[in-house]
Amino acid sequence: MLQEFIESIISNLRVSLSQLSSILSLRVESWVIWLIVIAVVAFIIISIVWGIRAHHKPVSAGRKDLVGRTAVVDTALNPQGLVLVEGERWSAVLDKGHAEPEEEVVISHVERLKLRVTKKGSTS
């Protein structure tokens, strides 16, 4: 009884191994391999080019970079409110007058986390 059981396991194992070897000998078309190689090489080249471009761009951060930029009024400035600068919401104070939402203002200087702005096109 035990001997029959062991023989059945061994015969099943032989069948499984033969099936495995037939699966592993699966052939892949050469054009598929070349397509994958070209795609990987293209990805690597594009990644390197973008990395080099990113290193050559000047860093833009800090107060000095905000001065002179255009912002869009988010909430009415009378004289305080919120403006959007490149998608970031900043607290702002309008030098004089009143500005409605969607109007453009120019950043004149930065005081800590508050921007001083003037209406675009106004002379001051």
PDB file of N, CA and C in Angstrom:
ATOM      1  N   MET A   1       0.832  -1.197   0.000  1.00  0.00           N
ATOM      2  CA  MET A   1       0.000   0.000   0.000  1.00  0.00           C
ATOM      3  C   MET A   1       0.870   1.251   0.000  1.00  0.00           C
ATOM      4  N   LEU A   2       1.826   1.315   0.881  1.00  0.00           N
ATOM      5  CA  LEU A   2       2.716   2.464   0.962  1.00  0.00           C
ATOM      6  C   LEU A   2       3.561   2.569  -0.300  1.00  0.00           C
ATOM      7  N   GLN A   3       3.985   1.445  -0.793  1.00  0.00           N
ATOM      8  CA  GLN A   3       4.803   1.441  -1.999  1.00  0.00           C
ATOM      9  C   GLN A   3       4.003   1.979  -3.199  1.00  0.00           C
ATOM     10  N   GLU A   4       2.736   1.624  -3.313  1.00  0.00           N
ATOM     11  CA  GLU A   4       1.882   2.131  -4.400  1.00  0.00           C
ATOM     12  C   GLU A   4       1.691   3.641  -4.283  1.00  0.00           C
ATOM     13  N   PHE A   5       1.528   4.100  -3.053  1.00  0.00           N
ATOM     14  CA  PHE A   5       1.356   5.523  -2.813  1.00  0.00           C
ATOM     15  C   PHE A   5       2.598   6.300  -3.249  1.00  0.00           C
ATOM     16  N   ILE A   6       3.766   5.825  -2.877  1.00  0.00           N
ATOM     17  CA  ILE A   6       5.024   6.482  -3.236  1.00  0.00           C
ATOM     18  C   ILE A   6       5.216   6.455  -4.757  1.00  0.00           C
ATOM     19  N   GLU A   7       4.893   5.346  -5.400  1.00  0.00           N
ATOM     20  CA  GLU A   7       5.021   5.248  -6.850  1.00  0.00           C
ATOM     21  C   GLU A   7       4.080   6.229  -7.555  1.00  0.00           C
ATOM     22  N   SER A   8       2.870   6.389  -7.035  1.00  0.00           N
ATOM     23  CA  SER A   8       1.926   7.338  -7.649  1.00  0.00           C
ATOM     24  C   SER A   8       2.431   8.782  -7.503  1.00  0.00           C
ATOM     25  N   ILE A   9       3.028   9.098  -6.364  1.00  0.00           N
ATOM     26  CA  ILE A   9       3.587  10.443  -6.162  1.00  0.00           C
ATOM     27  C   ILE A   9       4.727  10.686  -7.144  1.00  0.00           C
ATOM     28  N   ILE A  10       5.590   9.703  -7.282  1.00  0.00           N
ATOM     29  CA  ILE A  10       6.740   9.841  -8.189  1.00  0.00           C
ATOM     30  C   ILE A  10       6.262   9.982  -9.633  1.00  0.00           C
ATOM     31  N   SER A  11       5.263   9.203 -10.056  1.00  0.00           N
ATOM     32  CA  SER A  11       4.773   9.306 -11.437  1.00  0.00           C
ATOM     33  C   SER A  11       4.109  10.670 -11.671  1.00  0.00           C
ATOM     34  N   ASN A  12       3.373  11.159 -10.676  1.00  0.00           N
ATOM     35  CA  ASN A  12       2.766  12.491 -10.790  1.00  0.00           C
ATOM     36  C   ASN A  12       3.843  13.572 -10.853  1.00  0.00           C
ATOM     37  N   LEU A  13       4.910  13.399 -10.091  1.00  0.00           N
ATOM     38  CA  LEU A  13       6.011  14.355 -10.088  1.00  0.00           C
ATOM     39  C   LEU A  13       6.696  14.367 -11.457  1.00  0.00           C
ATOM     40  N   ARG A  14       6.855  13.206 -12.080  1.00  0.00           N
ATOM     41  CA  ARG A  14       7.475  13.131 -13.402  1.00  0.00           C
ATOM     42  C   ARG A  14       6.616  13.873 -14.431  1.00  0.00           C
ATOM     43  N   VAL A  15       5.288  13.683 -14.331  1.00  0.00           N
ATOM     44  CA  VAL A  15       4.379  14.378 -15.253  1.00  0.00           C
ATOM     45  C   VAL A  15       4.486  15.885 -15.045  1.00  0.00           C
ATOM     46  N   SER A  16       4.504  16.328 -13.808  1.00  0.00           N
ATOM     47  CA  SER A  16       4.606  17.753 -13.511  1.00  0.00           C
ATOM     48  C   SER A  16       5.918  18.321 -14.025  1.00  0.00           C
ATOM     49  N   LEU A  17       7.015  17.583 -13.852  1.00  0.00           N
ATOM     50  CA  LEU A  17       8.312  18.049 -14.328  1.00  0.00           C
ATOM     51  C   LEU A  17       8.348  18.123 -15.849  1.00  0.00           C
ATOM     52  N   SER A  18       7.719  17.162 -16.525  1.00  0.00           N
ATOM     53  CA  SER A  18       7.716  17.202 -17.989  1.00  0.00           C
ATOM     54  C   SER A  18       6.870  18.381 -18.486  1.00  0.00           C
ATOM     55  N   GLN A  19       5.771  18.657 -17.802  1.00  0.00           N
ATOM     56  CA  GLN A  19       4.950  19.817 -18.163  1.00  0.00           C
ATOM     57  C   GLN A  19       5.723  21.110 -17.924  1.00  0.00           C
ATOM     58  N   LEU A  20       6.465  21.171 -16.827  1.00  0.00           N
ATOM     59  CA  LEU A  20       7.248  22.353 -16.506  1.00  0.00           C
ATOM     60  C   LEU A  20       8.334  22.589 -17.549  1.00  0.00           C
ATOM     61  N   SER A  21       8.985  21.533 -17.977  1.00  0.00           N
ATOM     62  CA  SER A  21      10.043  21.691 -18.976  1.00  0.00           C
ATOM     63  C   SER A  21       9.465  22.147 -20.312  1.00  0.00           C
ATOM     64  N   SER A  22       8.266  21.706 -20.648  1.00  0.00           N
ATOM     65  CA  SER A  22       7.660  22.167 -21.902  1.00  0.00           C
ATOM     66  C   SER A  22       7.248  23.635 -21.800  1.00  0.00           C
ATOM     67  N   ILE A  23       6.845  24.059 -20.640  1.00  0.00           N
ATOM     68  CA  ILE A  23       6.497  25.473 -20.440  1.00  0.00           C
ATOM     69  C   ILE A  23       7.749  26.344 -20.521  1.00  0.00           C
ATOM     70  N   LEU A  24       8.847  25.897 -19.919  1.00  0.00           N
ATOM     71  CA  LEU A  24      10.079  26.673 -19.906  1.00  0.00           C
ATOM     72  C   LEU A  24      10.727  26.745 -21.277  1.00  0.00           C
ATOM     73  N   SER A  25      10.463  25.802 -22.138  1.00  0.00           N
ATOM     74  CA  SER A  25      11.055  25.837 -23.469  1.00  0.00           C
ATOM     75  C   SER A  25      10.215  26.670 -24.432  1.00  0.00           C
ATOM     76  N   LEU A  26       9.330  27.485 -23.907  1.00  0.00           N
ATOM     77  CA  LEU A  26       8.481  28.354 -24.708  1.00  0.00           C
ATOM     78  C   LEU A  26       9.340  29.340 -25.494  1.00  0.00           C
ATOM     79  N   ARG A  27       9.113  29.460 -26.758  1.00  0.00           N
ATOM     80  CA  ARG A  27       9.897  30.342 -27.624  1.00  0.00           C
ATOM     81  C   ARG A  27       9.192  31.693 -27.750  1.00  0.00           C
ATOM     82  N   VAL A  28      10.007  32.750 -27.748  1.00  0.00           N
ATOM     83  CA  VAL A  28       9.485  34.099 -27.923  1.00  0.00           C
ATOM     84  C   VAL A  28      10.020  34.618 -29.249  1.00  0.00           C
ATOM     85  N   GLU A  29       9.151  35.243 -29.995  1.00  0.00           N
ATOM     86  CA  GLU A  29       9.552  35.801 -31.288  1.00  0.00           C
ATOM     87  C   GLU A  29      10.657  36.830 -31.074  1.00  0.00           C
ATOM     88  N   SER A  30      11.611  36.875 -31.983  1.00  0.00           N
ATOM     89  CA  SER A  30      12.742  37.802 -31.825  1.00  0.00           C
ATOM     90  C   SER A  30      12.302  39.261 -31.925  1.00  0.00           C
ATOM     91  N   TRP A  31      11.264  39.554 -32.706  1.00  0.00           N
ATOM     92  CA  TRP A  31      10.810  40.937 -32.823  1.00  0.00           C
ATOM     93  C   TRP A  31      10.229  41.442 -31.506  1.00  0.00           C
ATOM     94  N   VAL A  32       9.648  40.538 -30.710  1.00  0.00           N
ATOM     95  CA  VAL A  32       9.112  40.927 -29.404  1.00  0.00           C
ATOM     96  C   VAL A  32      10.259  41.321 -28.470  1.00  0.00           C
ATOM     97  N   ILE A  33      11.322  40.554 -28.505  1.00  0.00           N
ATOM     98  CA  ILE A  33      12.491  40.862 -27.677  1.00  0.00           C
ATOM     99  C   ILE A  33      13.083  42.201 -28.092  1.00  0.00           C
ATOM    100  N   TRP A  34      13.236  42.428 -29.413  1.00  0.00           N
ATOM    101  CA  TRP A  34      13.791  43.697 -29.886  1.00  0.00           C
ATOM    102  C   TRP A  34      12.894  44.877 -29.513  1.00  0.00           C
ATOM    103  N   LEU A  35      11.597  44.694 -29.586  1.00  0.00           N
ATOM    104  CA  LEU A  35      10.666  45.761 -29.218  1.00  0.00           C
ATOM    105  C   LEU A  35      10.831  46.136 -27.748  1.00  0.00           C
ATOM    106  N   ILE A  36      10.960  45.138 -26.892  1.00  0.00           N
ATOM    107  CA  ILE A  36      11.140  45.398 -25.456  1.00  0.00           C
ATOM    108  C   ILE A  36      12.481  46.080 -25.207  1.00  0.00           C
ATOM    109  N   VAL A  37      13.532  45.621 -25.877  1.00  0.00           N
ATOM    110  CA  VAL A  37      14.857  46.231 -25.711  1.00  0.00           C
ATOM    111  C   VAL A  37      14.825  47.694 -26.152  1.00  0.00           C
ATOM    112  N   ILE A  38      14.222  47.974 -27.304  1.00  0.00           N
ATOM    113  CA  ILE A  38      14.136  49.355 -27.793  1.00  0.00           C
ATOM    114  C   ILE A  38      13.344  50.223 -26.826  1.00  0.00           C
ATOM    115  N   ALA A  39      12.241  49.712 -26.298  1.00  0.00           N
ATOM    116  CA  ALA A  39      11.422  50.483 -25.356  1.00  0.00           C
ATOM    117  C   ALA A  39      12.206  50.803 -24.083  1.00  0.00           C
ATOM    118  N   VAL A  40      12.943  49.845 -23.566  1.00  0.00           N
ATOM    119  CA  VAL A  40      13.731  50.069 -22.347  1.00  0.00           C
ATOM    120  C   VAL A  40      14.836  51.094 -22.606  1.00  0.00           C
ATOM    121  N   VAL A  41      15.535  50.964 -23.725  1.00  0.00           N
ATOM    122  CA  VAL A  41      16.603  51.911 -24.061  1.00  0.00           C
ATOM    123  C   VAL A  41      16.034  53.315 -24.246  1.00  0.00           C
ATOM    124  N   ALA A  42      14.893  53.440 -24.924  1.00  0.00           N
ATOM    125  CA  ALA A  42      14.256  54.751 -25.107  1.00  0.00           C
ATOM    126  C   ALA A  42      13.880  55.359 -23.763  1.00  0.00           C
ATOM    127  N   PHE A  43      13.328  54.554 -22.869  1.00  0.00           N
ATOM    128  CA  PHE A  43      12.968  55.045 -21.535  1.00  0.00           C
ATOM    129  C   PHE A  43      14.195  55.566 -20.794  1.00  0.00           C
ATOM    130  N   ILE A  44      15.289  54.827 -20.860  1.00  0.00           N
ATOM    131  CA  ILE A  44      16.513  55.241 -20.166  1.00  0.00           C
ATOM    132  C   ILE A  44      17.050  56.543 -20.758  1.00  0.00           C
ATOM    133  N   ILE A  45      17.070  56.648 -22.087  1.00  0.00           N
ATOM    134  CA  ILE A  45      17.574  57.865 -22.731  1.00  0.00           C
ATOM    135  C   ILE A  45      16.708  59.069 -22.379  1.00  0.00           C
ATOM    136  N   ILE A  46      15.399  58.917 -22.435  1.00  0.00           N
ATOM    137  CA  ILE A  46      14.495  60.023 -22.093  1.00  0.00           C
ATOM    138  C   ILE A  46      14.672  60.427 -20.637  1.00  0.00           C
ATOM    139  N   SER A  47      14.823  59.474 -19.739  1.00  0.00           N
ATOM    140  CA  SER A  47      15.027  59.780 -18.318  1.00  0.00           C
ATOM    141  C   SER A  47      16.317  60.562 -18.110  1.00  0.00           C
ATOM    142  N   ILE A  48      17.383  60.181 -18.804  1.00  0.00           N
ATOM    143  CA  ILE A  48      18.656  60.889 -18.665  1.00  0.00           C
ATOM    144  C   ILE A  48      18.538  62.311 -19.201  1.00  0.00           C
ATOM    145  N   VAL A  49      17.898  62.485 -20.359  1.00  0.00           N
ATOM    146  CA  VAL A  49      17.745  63.819 -20.944  1.00  0.00           C
ATOM    147  C   VAL A  49      16.931  64.714 -20.014  1.00  0.00           C
ATOM    148  N   TRP A  50      15.828  64.210 -19.483  1.00  0.00           N
ATOM    149  CA  TRP A  50      15.011  65.019 -18.561  1.00  0.00           C
ATOM    150  C   TRP A  50      15.779  65.352 -17.289  1.00  0.00           C
ATOM    151  N   GLY A  51      16.577  64.416 -16.800  1.00  0.00           N
ATOM    152  CA  GLY A  51      17.388  64.682 -15.610  1.00  0.00           C
ATOM    153  C   GLY A  51      18.407  65.771 -15.857  1.00  0.00           C
ATOM    154  N   ILE A  52      19.059  65.738 -17.024  1.00  0.00           N
ATOM    155  CA  ILE A  52      20.037  66.777 -17.354  1.00  0.00           C
ATOM    156  C   ILE A  52      19.351  68.129 -17.491  1.00  0.00           C
ATOM    157  N   ARG A  53      18.194  68.176 -18.153  1.00  0.00           N
ATOM    158  CA  ARG A  53      17.447  69.439 -18.281  1.00  0.00           C
ATOM    159  C   ARG A  53      17.067  70.000 -16.915  1.00  0.00           C
ATOM    160  N   ALA A  54      16.639  69.139 -16.009  1.00  0.00           N
ATOM    161  CA  ALA A  54      16.234  69.598 -14.675  1.00  0.00           C
ATOM    162  C   ALA A  54      17.412  70.207 -13.921  1.00  0.00           C
ATOM    163  N   HIS A  55      18.604  69.666 -14.124  1.00  0.00           N
ATOM    164  CA  HIS A  55      19.779  70.198 -13.432  1.00  0.00           C
ATOM    165  C   HIS A  55      20.235  71.531 -14.007  1.00  0.00           C
ATOM    166  N   HIS A  56      19.888  71.813 -15.246  1.00  0.00           N
ATOM    167  CA  HIS A  56      20.307  73.071 -15.865  1.00  0.00           C
ATOM    168  C   HIS A  56      19.322  74.212 -15.608  1.00  0.00           C
ATOM    169  N   LYS A  57      18.126  73.914 -15.142  1.00  0.00           N
ATOM    170  CA  LYS A  57      17.154  74.966 -14.857  1.00  0.00           C
ATOM    171  C   LYS A  57      17.549  75.696 -13.573  1.00  0.00           C
ATOM    172  N   PRO A  58      17.372  77.015 -13.546  1.00  0.00           N
ATOM    173  CA  PRO A  58      17.688  77.747 -12.319  1.00  0.00           C
ATOM    174  C   PRO A  58      16.670  77.425 -11.225  1.00  0.00           C
ATOM    175  N   VAL A  59      17.141  77.388 -10.006  1.00  0.00           N
ATOM    176  CA  VAL A  59      16.264  77.116  -8.878  1.00  0.00           C
ATOM    177  C   VAL A  59      15.429  78.361  -8.613  1.00  0.00           C
ATOM    178  N   SER A  60      14.147  78.162  -8.428  1.00  0.00           N
ATOM    179  CA  SER A  60      13.241  79.280  -8.210  1.00  0.00           C
ATOM    180  C   SER A  60      12.568  79.112  -6.856  1.00  0.00           C
ATOM    181  N   ALA A  61      13.124  79.780  -5.867  1.00  0.00           N
ATOM    182  CA  ALA A  61      12.530  79.704  -4.532  1.00  0.00           C
ATOM    183  C   ALA A  61      12.955  80.934  -3.745  1.00  0.00           C
ATOM    184  N   GLY A  62      12.094  81.381  -2.874  1.00  0.00           N
ATOM    185  CA  GLY A  62      12.445  82.493  -2.009  1.00  0.00           C
ATOM    186  C   GLY A  62      11.692  83.764  -2.351  1.00  0.00           C
ATOM    187  N   ARG A  63      11.877  84.734  -1.500  1.00  0.00           N
ATOM    188  CA  ARG A  63      11.164  86.005  -1.618  1.00  0.00           C
ATOM    189  C   ARG A  63      11.497  86.754  -2.899  1.00  0.00           C
ATOM    190  N   LYS A  64      12.768  86.765  -3.247  1.00  0.00           N
ATOM    191  CA  LYS A  64      13.189  87.537  -4.414  1.00  0.00           C
ATOM    192  C   LYS A  64      12.507  87.042  -5.689  1.00  0.00           C
ATOM    193  N   ASP A  65      12.228  85.776  -5.755  1.00  0.00           N
ATOM    194  CA  ASP A  65      11.597  85.229  -6.954  1.00  0.00           C
ATOM    195  C   ASP A  65      10.114  85.565  -7.043  1.00  0.00           C
ATOM    196  N   LEU A  66       9.484  85.882  -5.942  1.00  0.00           N
ATOM    197  CA  LEU A  66       8.066  86.228  -5.966  1.00  0.00           C
ATOM    198  C   LEU A  66       7.840  87.670  -6.418  1.00  0.00           C
ATOM    199  N   VAL A  67       8.745  88.558  -6.069  1.00  0.00           N
ATOM    200  CA  VAL A  67       8.579  89.976  -6.390  1.00  0.00           C
ATOM    201  C   VAL A  67       8.564  90.150  -7.909  1.00  0.00           C
ATOM    202  N   GLY A  68       7.527  90.867  -8.378  1.00  0.00           N
ATOM    203  CA  GLY A  68       7.377  91.111  -9.806  1.00  0.00           C
ATOM    204  C   GLY A  68       6.481  90.106 -10.511  1.00  0.00           C
ATOM    205  N   ARG A  69       6.167  89.006  -9.859  1.00  0.00           N
ATOM    206  CA  ARG A  69       5.286  88.010 -10.482  1.00  0.00           C
ATOM    207  C   ARG A  69       3.830  88.471 -10.425  1.00  0.00           C
ATOM    208  N   THR A  70       3.049  87.913 -11.321  1.00  0.00           N
ATOM    209  CA  THR A  70       1.622  88.216 -11.370  1.00  0.00           C
ATOM    210  C   THR A  70       0.864  87.181 -10.556  1.00  0.00           C
ATOM    211  N   ALA A  71      -0.097  87.644  -9.789  1.00  0.00           N
ATOM    212  CA  ALA A  71      -0.958  86.763  -8.997  1.00  0.00           C
ATOM    213  C   ALA A  71      -2.408  87.043  -9.382  1.00  0.00           C
ATOM    214  N   VAL A  72      -3.274  86.071  -9.147  1.00  0.00           N
ATOM    215  CA  VAL A  72      -4.700  86.222  -9.431  1.00  0.00           C
ATOM    216  C   VAL A  72      -5.443  86.292  -8.106  1.00  0.00           C
ATOM    217  N   VAL A  73      -6.316  87.282  -7.989  1.00  0.00           N
ATOM    218  CA  VAL A  73      -7.073  87.462  -6.748  1.00  0.00           C
ATOM    219  C   VAL A  73      -8.035  86.295  -6.577  1.00  0.00           C
ATOM    220  N   ASP A  74      -7.980  85.666  -5.401  1.00  0.00           N
ATOM    221  CA  ASP A  74      -8.855  84.535  -5.084  1.00  0.00           C
ATOM    222  C   ASP A  74     -10.073  85.009  -4.317  1.00  0.00           C
ATOM    223  N   THR A  75      -9.832  85.753  -3.237  1.00  0.00           N
ATOM    224  CA  THR A  75     -10.934  86.404  -2.511  1.00  0.00           C
ATOM    225  C   THR A  75     -10.671  87.905  -2.564  1.00  0.00           C
ATOM    226  N   ALA A  76     -11.721  88.690  -2.599  1.00  0.00           N
ATOM    227  CA  ALA A  76     -11.607  90.138  -2.798  1.00  0.00           C
ATOM    228  C   ALA A  76     -10.561  90.754  -1.867  1.00  0.00           C
ATOM    229  N   LEU A  77      -9.761  91.633  -2.431  1.00  0.00           N
ATOM    230  CA  LEU A  77      -8.755  92.359  -1.645  1.00  0.00           C
ATOM    231  C   LEU A  77      -9.340  93.722  -1.302  1.00  0.00           C
ATOM    232  N   ASN A  78      -9.618  93.922  -0.022  1.00  0.00           N
ATOM    233  CA  ASN A  78     -10.219  95.180   0.416  1.00  0.00           C
ATOM    234  C   ASN A  78      -9.684  95.576   1.772  1.00  0.00           C
ATOM    235  N   PRO A  79      -8.521  95.863   2.045  1.00  0.00           N
ATOM    236  CA  PRO A  79      -7.320  95.673   1.252  1.00  0.00           C
ATOM    237  C   PRO A  79      -6.717  94.277   1.432  1.00  0.00           C
ATOM    238  N   GLN A  80      -7.216  93.472   2.425  1.00  0.00           N
ATOM    239  CA  GLN A  80      -6.644  92.141   2.633  1.00  0.00           C
ATOM    240  C   GLN A  80      -7.499  91.074   1.965  1.00  0.00           C
ATOM    241  N   GLY A  81      -6.861  89.966   1.607  1.00  0.00           N
ATOM    242  CA  GLY A  81      -7.564  88.844   1.006  1.00  0.00           C
ATOM    243  C   GLY A  81      -6.564  87.767   0.617  1.00  0.00           C
ATOM    244  N   LEU A  82      -6.986  86.910  -0.300  1.00  0.00           N
ATOM    245  CA  LEU A  82      -6.133  85.816  -0.751  1.00  0.00           C
ATOM    246  C   LEU A  82      -5.871  85.924  -2.250  1.00  0.00           C
ATOM    247  N   VAL A  83      -4.644  85.561  -2.637  1.00  0.00           N
ATOM    248  CA  VAL A  83      -4.286  85.521  -4.053  1.00  0.00           C
ATOM    249  C   VAL A  83      -3.688  84.158  -4.370  1.00  0.00           C
ATOM    250  N   LEU A  84      -3.701  83.817  -5.643  1.00  0.00           N
ATOM    251  CA  LEU A  84      -3.093  82.573  -6.104  1.00  0.00           C
ATOM    252  C   LEU A  84      -1.844  82.905  -6.913  1.00  0.00           C
ATOM    253  N   VAL A  85      -0.725  82.304  -6.504  1.00  0.00           N
ATOM    254  CA  VAL A  85       0.538  82.461  -7.218  1.00  0.00           C
ATOM    255  C   VAL A  85       0.986  81.061  -7.622  1.00  0.00           C
ATOM    256  N   GLU A  86       0.931  80.777  -8.918  1.00  0.00           N
ATOM    257  CA  GLU A  86       1.296  79.466  -9.451  1.00  0.00           C
ATOM    258  C   GLU A  86       0.612  78.328  -8.696  1.00  0.00           C
ATOM    259  N   GLY A  87      -0.675  78.493  -8.444  1.00  0.00           N
ATOM    260  CA  GLY A  87      -1.462  77.452  -7.796  1.00  0.00           C
ATOM    261  C   GLY A  87      -1.404  77.448  -6.278  1.00  0.00           C
ATOM    262  N   GLU A  88      -0.569  78.309  -5.702  1.00  0.00           N
ATOM    263  CA  GLU A  88      -0.471  78.382  -4.235  1.00  0.00           C
ATOM    264  C   GLU A  88      -1.270  79.569  -3.727  1.00  0.00           C
ATOM    265  N   ARG A  89      -1.988  79.362  -2.644  1.00  0.00           N
ATOM    266  CA  ARG A  89      -2.811  80.421  -2.054  1.00  0.00           C
ATOM    267  C   ARG A  89      -1.984  81.182  -1.022  1.00  0.00           C
ATOM    268  N   TRP A  90      -1.904  82.499  -1.206  1.00  0.00           N
ATOM    269  CA  TRP A  90      -1.152  83.368  -0.306  1.00  0.00           C
ATOM    270  C   TRP A  90      -2.068  84.440   0.268  1.00  0.00           C
ATOM    271  N   SER A  91      -1.778  84.851   1.489  1.00  0.00           N
ATOM    272  CA  SER A  91      -2.452  85.992   2.091  1.00  0.00           C
ATOM    273  C   SER A  91      -1.806  87.241   1.511  1.00  0.00           C
ATOM    274  N   ALA A  92      -2.625  88.222   1.158  1.00  0.00           N
ATOM    275  CA  ALA A  92      -2.082  89.410   0.497  1.00  0.00           C
ATOM    276  C   ALA A  92      -2.768  90.673   0.988  1.00  0.00           C
ATOM    277  N   VAL A  93      -2.045  91.789   0.845  1.00  0.00           N
ATOM    278  CA  VAL A  93      -2.575  93.115   1.179  1.00  0.00           C
ATOM    279  C   VAL A  93      -2.381  93.993  -0.052  1.00  0.00           C
ATOM    280  N   LEU A  94      -3.471  94.593  -0.509  1.00  0.00           N
ATOM    281  CA  LEU A  94      -3.424  95.483  -1.660  1.00  0.00           C
ATOM    282  C   LEU A  94      -2.977  96.862  -1.196  1.00  0.00           C
ATOM    283  N   ASP A  95      -2.002  97.454  -1.911  1.00  0.00           N
ATOM    284  CA  ASP A  95      -1.457  98.751  -1.500  1.00  0.00           C
ATOM    285  C   ASP A  95      -2.529  99.829  -1.439  1.00  0.00           C
ATOM    286  N   LYS A  96      -3.348  99.949  -2.473  1.00  0.00           N
ATOM    287  CA  LYS A  96      -4.458 100.904  -2.409  1.00  0.00           C
ATOM    288  C   LYS A  96      -5.563 100.451  -3.335  1.00  0.00           C
ATOM    289  N   GLY A  97      -6.775 100.802  -2.962  1.00  0.00           N
ATOM    290  CA  GLY A  97      -7.925 100.443  -3.774  1.00  0.00           C
ATOM    291  C   GLY A  97      -8.539  99.116  -3.372  1.00  0.00           C
ATOM    292  N   HIS A  98      -9.218  98.533  -4.338  1.00  0.00           N
ATOM    293  CA  HIS A  98      -9.983  97.313  -4.118  1.00  0.00           C
ATOM    294  C   HIS A  98      -9.801  96.420  -5.340  1.00  0.00           C
ATOM    295  N   ALA A  99      -9.698  95.114  -5.143  1.00  0.00           N
ATOM    296  CA  ALA A  99      -9.550  94.178  -6.261  1.00  0.00           C
ATOM    297  C   ALA A  99     -10.534  93.031  -6.091  1.00  0.00           C
ATOM    298  N   GLU A 100     -11.233  92.720  -7.155  1.00  0.00           N
ATOM    299  CA  GLU A 100     -12.227  91.638  -7.154  1.00  0.00           C
ATOM    300  C   GLU A 100     -11.572  90.311  -7.551  1.00  0.00           C
ATOM    301  N   PRO A 101     -12.219  89.181  -7.222  1.00  0.00           N
ATOM    302  CA  PRO A 101     -11.688  87.881  -7.640  1.00  0.00           C
ATOM    303  C   PRO A 101     -11.493  87.815  -9.162  1.00  0.00           C
ATOM    304  N   GLU A 102     -10.468  87.081  -9.564  1.00  0.00           N
ATOM    305  CA  GLU A 102     -10.062  86.880 -10.955  1.00  0.00           C
ATOM    306  C   GLU A 102      -9.283  88.061 -11.537  1.00  0.00           C
ATOM    307  N   GLU A 103      -9.163  89.176 -10.809  1.00  0.00           N
ATOM    308  CA  GLU A 103      -8.315  90.274 -11.281  1.00  0.00           C
ATOM    309  C   GLU A 103      -6.862  89.902 -11.054  1.00  0.00           C
ATOM    310  N   GLU A 104      -5.983  90.479 -11.881  1.00  0.00           N
ATOM    311  CA  GLU A 104      -4.562  90.216 -11.728  1.00  0.00           C
ATOM    312  C   GLU A 104      -3.899  91.339 -10.954  1.00  0.00           C
ATOM    313  N   VAL A 105      -2.988  90.952 -10.078  1.00  0.00           N
ATOM    314  CA  VAL A 105      -2.207  91.903  -9.292  1.00  0.00           C
ATOM    315  C   VAL A 105      -0.732  91.513  -9.407  1.00  0.00           C
ATOM    316  N   VAL A 106       0.136  92.483  -9.125  1.00  0.00           N
ATOM    317  CA  VAL A 106       1.574  92.240  -9.191  1.00  0.00           C
ATOM    318  C   VAL A 106       2.141  92.303  -7.780  1.00  0.00           C
ATOM    319  N   ILE A 107       3.003  91.356  -7.456  1.00  0.00           N
ATOM    320  CA  ILE A 107       3.610  91.296  -6.123  1.00  0.00           C
ATOM    321  C   ILE A 107       4.717  92.343  -6.051  1.00  0.00           C
ATOM    322  N   SER A 108       4.578  93.274  -5.083  1.00  0.00           N
ATOM    323  CA  SER A 108       5.588  94.330  -4.949  1.00  0.00           C
ATOM    324  C   SER A 108       6.660  93.953  -3.931  1.00  0.00           C
ATOM    325  N   HIS A 109       6.288  93.322  -2.834  1.00  0.00           N
ATOM    326  CA  HIS A 109       7.273  92.763  -1.914  1.00  0.00           C
ATOM    327  C   HIS A 109       6.618  91.770  -0.963  1.00  0.00           C
ATOM    328  N   VAL A 110       7.458  91.050  -0.227  1.00  0.00           N
ATOM    329  CA  VAL A 110       7.003  89.976   0.655  1.00  0.00           C
ATOM    330  C   VAL A 110       7.369  90.327   2.086  1.00  0.00           C
ATOM    331  N   GLU A 111       6.390  90.218   2.976  1.00  0.00           N
ATOM    332  CA  GLU A 111       6.609  90.414   4.407  1.00  0.00           C
ATOM    333  C   GLU A 111       6.242  89.114   5.106  1.00  0.00           C
ATOM    334  N   ARG A 112       7.246  88.356   5.485  1.00  0.00           N
ATOM    335  CA  ARG A 112       7.067  87.026   6.072  1.00  0.00           C
ATOM    336  C   ARG A 112       6.203  86.162   5.166  1.00  0.00           C
ATOM    337  N   LEU A 113       4.985  85.839   5.576  1.00  0.00           N
ATOM    338  CA  LEU A 113       4.110  85.010   4.744  1.00  0.00           C
ATOM    339  C   LEU A 113       2.965  85.815   4.122  1.00  0.00           C
ATOM    340  N   LYS A 114       3.119  87.116   4.080  1.00  0.00           N
ATOM    341  CA  LYS A 114       2.088  87.977   3.503  1.00  0.00           C
ATOM    342  C   LYS A 114       2.686  88.748   2.334  1.00  0.00           C
ATOM    343  N   LEU A 115       1.940  88.797   1.250  1.00  0.00           N
ATOM    344  CA  LEU A 115       2.400  89.501   0.054  1.00  0.00           C
ATOM    345  C   LEU A 115       1.796  90.897   0.001  1.00  0.00           C
ATOM    346  N   ARG A 116       2.602  91.856  -0.399  1.00  0.00           N
ATOM    347  CA  ARG A 116       2.116  93.202  -0.701  1.00  0.00           C
ATOM    348  C   ARG A 116       1.941  93.256  -2.209  1.00  0.00           C
ATOM    349  N   VAL A 117       0.747  93.629  -2.672  1.00  0.00           N
ATOM    350  CA  VAL A 117       0.461  93.619  -4.094  1.00  0.00           C
ATOM    351  C   VAL A 117      -0.109  94.963  -4.541  1.00  0.00           C
ATOM    352  N   THR A 118       0.033  95.206  -5.846  1.00  0.00           N
ATOM    353  CA  THR A 118      -0.589  96.371  -6.482  1.00  0.00           C
ATOM    354  C   THR A 118      -1.383  95.869  -7.680  1.00  0.00           C
ATOM    355  N   LYS A 119      -2.405  96.640  -8.070  1.00  0.00           N
ATOM    356  CA  LYS A 119      -3.190  96.241  -9.228  1.00  0.00           C
ATOM    357  C   LYS A 119      -2.307  96.271 -10.465  1.00  0.00           C
ATOM    358  N   LYS A 120      -2.521  95.324 -11.331  1.00  0.00           N
ATOM    359  CA  LYS A 120      -1.743  95.254 -12.560  1.00  0.00           C
ATOM    360  C   LYS A 120      -2.079  96.441 -13.445  1.00  0.00           C
ATOM    361  N   GLY A 121      -1.057  97.121 -13.903  1.00  0.00           N
ATOM    362  CA  GLY A 121      -1.268  98.281 -14.771  1.00  0.00           C
ATOM    363  C   GLY A 121      -1.346  99.598 -14.017  1.00  0.00           C
ATOM    364  N   SER A 122      -1.449  99.559 -12.686  1.00  0.00           N
ATOM    365  CA  SER A 122      -1.491 100.820 -11.934  1.00  0.00           C
ATOM    366  C   SER A 122      -0.077 101.333 -11.738  1.00  0.00           C
ATOM    367  N   THR A 123       0.086 102.617 -11.720  1.00  0.00           N
ATOM    368  CA  THR A 123       1.402 103.234 -11.535  1.00  0.00           C
ATOM    369  C   THR A 123       1.542 103.665 -10.091  1.00  0.00           C
ATOM    370  N   SER A 124       2.638 103.219  -9.460  1.00  0.00           N
ATOM    371  CA  SER A 124       2.872 103.631  -8.079  1.00  0.00           C
ATOM    372  C   SER A 124       4.332 103.822  -7.810  1.00  0.00           C
TER     373      SER A 124
END
